[in-house]
Each structure stands twice: as structure tokens, then as C-alpha cells.
Protein backbone atom coordinates (compact mmCIF):
# COMPACT_ATOMS: atom_id res chain seq x y z
CA MET A 1 112.56 81.13 105.38
CA ARG A 2 112.67 79.84 108.94
CA PRO A 3 110.95 82.87 110.61
CA PHE A 4 108.19 82.89 108.00
CA LEU A 5 107.59 79.16 108.33
CA LEU A 6 107.62 79.36 112.13
CA TYR A 7 105.13 82.25 112.10
CA ALA A 8 102.83 80.36 109.71
CA VAL A 9 102.97 77.16 111.77
CA VAL A 10 102.25 79.00 115.03
CA ARG A 11 99.27 80.78 113.48
CA LEU A 12 97.94 77.58 111.96
CA GLY A 13 98.38 75.74 115.26
CA LEU A 14 96.58 78.55 117.06
CA TRP A 15 93.71 78.32 114.58
CA VAL A 16 93.44 74.52 114.95
CA LEU A 17 93.44 74.78 118.75
CA LEU A 18 90.77 77.48 118.75
CA TRP A 19 88.67 75.62 116.17
CA TRP A 20 88.81 72.43 118.26
CA LEU A 21 87.81 74.31 121.44
CA LEU A 22 84.94 76.12 119.69
CA THR A 23 83.59 72.86 118.21
CA LEU A 24 83.71 71.29 121.70
CA VAL A 25 81.63 74.20 122.99
CA GLY A 26 78.93 73.29 120.47
CA LEU A 27 79.32 75.79 117.66
CA GLY A 28 78.97 74.43 114.13
CA LEU A 29 82.05 73.44 112.16
CA VAL A 30 81.88 76.41 109.79
CA LEU A 31 81.05 79.00 112.44
CA ALA A 32 83.80 77.61 114.68
CA GLY A 33 86.27 77.85 111.76
CA VAL A 34 85.38 81.47 111.02
CA LEU A 35 85.51 82.52 114.66
CA ALA A 36 88.75 80.62 115.20
CA ALA A 37 90.29 82.45 112.22
CA LEU A 38 89.25 85.84 113.56
CA ILE A 39 90.41 85.11 117.10
CA ALA A 40 93.71 83.61 115.87
CA MET A 41 94.30 86.70 113.75
CA LEU A 42 93.69 89.02 116.70
CA ILE A 43 95.91 86.98 119.01
CA SER A 44 98.71 86.89 116.42
CA ILE A 45 98.48 90.66 115.96
CA LEU A 46 98.65 91.27 119.69
CA PHE A 47 101.17 88.65 120.83
CA LEU A 48 103.29 87.48 117.89
CA ASP A 49 105.01 90.76 117.06
CA ARG A 50 108.55 89.41 117.12
CA LEU A 51 107.78 86.46 114.85
CA ARG A 52 105.78 88.61 112.43
CA ASN A 53 108.50 91.28 112.24
CA ALA A 54 111.23 88.69 111.69
CA ALA A 55 109.19 87.08 108.91
CA ALA A 56 108.51 90.47 107.33
CA LEU A 57 112.19 91.41 107.38
CA ARG A 58 113.17 88.13 105.74
CA TRP A 59 110.45 88.60 103.13
CA LYS A 60 111.67 92.15 102.42
CA ALA A 61 115.29 91.03 102.09
CA ALA A 62 114.32 88.26 99.67
CA ASP A 63 112.24 90.71 97.64
CA GLU A 64 115.16 93.14 97.43
CA ARG A 65 117.46 90.34 96.25
CA ARG A 66 114.96 89.41 93.53
CA ALA A 67 114.65 93.05 92.49
CA ALA A 68 118.44 93.39 92.30
CA ARG A 69 118.67 90.34 90.03
CA ARG A 70 115.91 91.69 87.78
CA ALA A 71 117.57 95.13 87.57
CA ASP A 72 120.55 93.60 85.78
CA ASP A 73 118.38 92.38 82.92
CA VAL A 74 118.25 94.97 80.16
CA ASP A 75 115.25 94.90 77.89
CA GLU A 76 116.80 95.67 74.52
CA ASP A 77 113.43 96.24 72.85
CA ALA A 78 112.48 98.84 75.44
CA GLU A 79 115.84 100.56 75.07
CA TYR A 80 115.38 100.72 71.28
CA GLU A 81 111.84 102.08 71.61
CA ASP A 82 113.01 104.73 74.07
CA ALA A 83 115.77 105.79 71.69
CA VAL A 84 113.33 106.07 68.76
CA LEU A 85 110.89 108.14 70.83
CA ASP A 86 113.66 110.41 72.09
CA GLU A 87 114.86 110.96 68.53
CA ALA A 88 111.32 111.78 67.35
CA ASP A 89 110.87 114.25 70.24
CA ALA A 90 114.16 115.95 69.36
CA GLU A 91 113.13 116.29 65.70
CA THR A 92 109.75 117.75 66.65
CA ALA A 93 111.37 120.27 68.99
CA THR A 94 113.81 121.32 66.25
CA GLU A 95 110.98 121.78 63.73
CA ASP A 96 108.97 123.85 66.21
CA ARG A 97 111.94 126.18 66.80
CA ASN A 98 112.58 126.60 63.08
CA HIS A 99 108.93 127.20 62.12
CA PRO A 100 107.05 129.07 64.84
CA THR A 101 103.32 129.08 64.17
CA GLY A 102 101.86 131.56 66.55
CA GLY A 103 102.38 132.90 69.97
CA PRO A 104 102.45 136.25 71.66
CA ASP A 105 103.55 139.18 69.54
CA ALA A 106 105.00 142.47 70.75
CA THR A 107 101.65 143.58 72.22
CA GLY A 108 101.16 140.32 74.11
CA ASP A 109 98.32 139.10 71.88
CA VAL A 110 98.42 135.65 70.41
CA THR A 111 98.95 135.75 66.68
CA ALA A 112 97.11 133.55 64.25
CA GLY A 113 98.69 130.20 63.74
CA ASP A 114 98.11 126.52 63.89
CA ALA A 115 95.44 125.89 66.55
CA GLU A 116 96.92 122.52 67.42
CA SER A 117 100.26 124.10 68.29
CA LEU A 118 98.59 126.54 70.69
CA ASP A 119 96.66 123.87 72.60
CA PRO A 120 98.93 121.08 73.87
CA ALA A 121 96.04 118.66 74.24
CA GLY A 122 94.86 119.28 70.67
CA LEU A 123 91.40 120.27 71.84
CA PRO A 124 89.34 122.83 69.93
CA ASP A 125 88.95 126.31 71.42
CA LEU A 126 85.40 126.68 72.71
CA GLY A 127 85.82 130.24 73.94
CA ASP A 128 84.30 131.44 77.20
CA ARG A 129 81.25 129.31 77.75
CA ASP A 130 80.67 129.84 81.44
CA GLU A 131 76.95 130.42 81.02
CA VAL A 132 74.68 127.46 81.62
CA ARG A 133 71.79 127.01 79.28
CA GLU A 134 68.32 126.67 80.72
CA GLU A 135 67.88 123.12 79.39
CA ASP A 136 71.14 122.02 81.09
CA ARG A 137 69.84 122.93 84.56
């Protein structure tokens, strides 16, 4: 927490100093605040690398600790739903193997069967419609 707090205080102090100097020059309060924020950001990017990196590493370590604590929590509802879906998928696969409804025959042609089983998305077969009608152009 110390590197992050130090980085924030230094940036805020830099902004206040720049804002005060810009208001002394004669810029308006709002314009001085916006310019001070931009200049403080640029200065912090260029010169506060060590502080920013230390704060980022601490932030990352804290985030990893939080993620590790959350990983131990098991959502029992999600586990149950996953089990039910896996069971339903297994039953569907077994039924498909026991009752094939179309596919290539010995000649390589697709035999007649359930159209939904041939198209995984369940979309109707529209055939080859590559031509564009005149009214569509």
C-alpha cells in the first residue's frame, strides 16, 4: 500500500504545484486545472517510473492474493448445472450413435435424414444461391 500511496501523493502534489503556478501566470482556474493535470501526467510518465512500477507490482500481488482466495470458493449451483449439462450431452451423443439419421453412404452422397441433424446450427438448407437478384443490387 505504501508505494501506491506515495505515487498518488507525489502525483497529486505535482498537480497542485503546477495548478498554482499556472493560476499565477494568469490562466483561468479551470484551464489551469486541465493543463496542470496533463502536464503532471506527462511528467509522472517520464520521471516517476520507479514509483509507478513499485505501485503496479504491489497492486498485481494484491490482485493475485484476492484471486487465490476466490478460487477456493466452490459454487455448488454451478457445479450441479455443469453436471446436468454434461449428463444431457452424454445422453444425446448416445442416442445419435444408436439412431443415425443420415450421412454419407457408400458412394459419398448424403442420404435422406433429419435436416436438423445434418446442419449443426439448425438452419434450413437454402441451396446454392450465389446469384444476386437485380432488385438486390
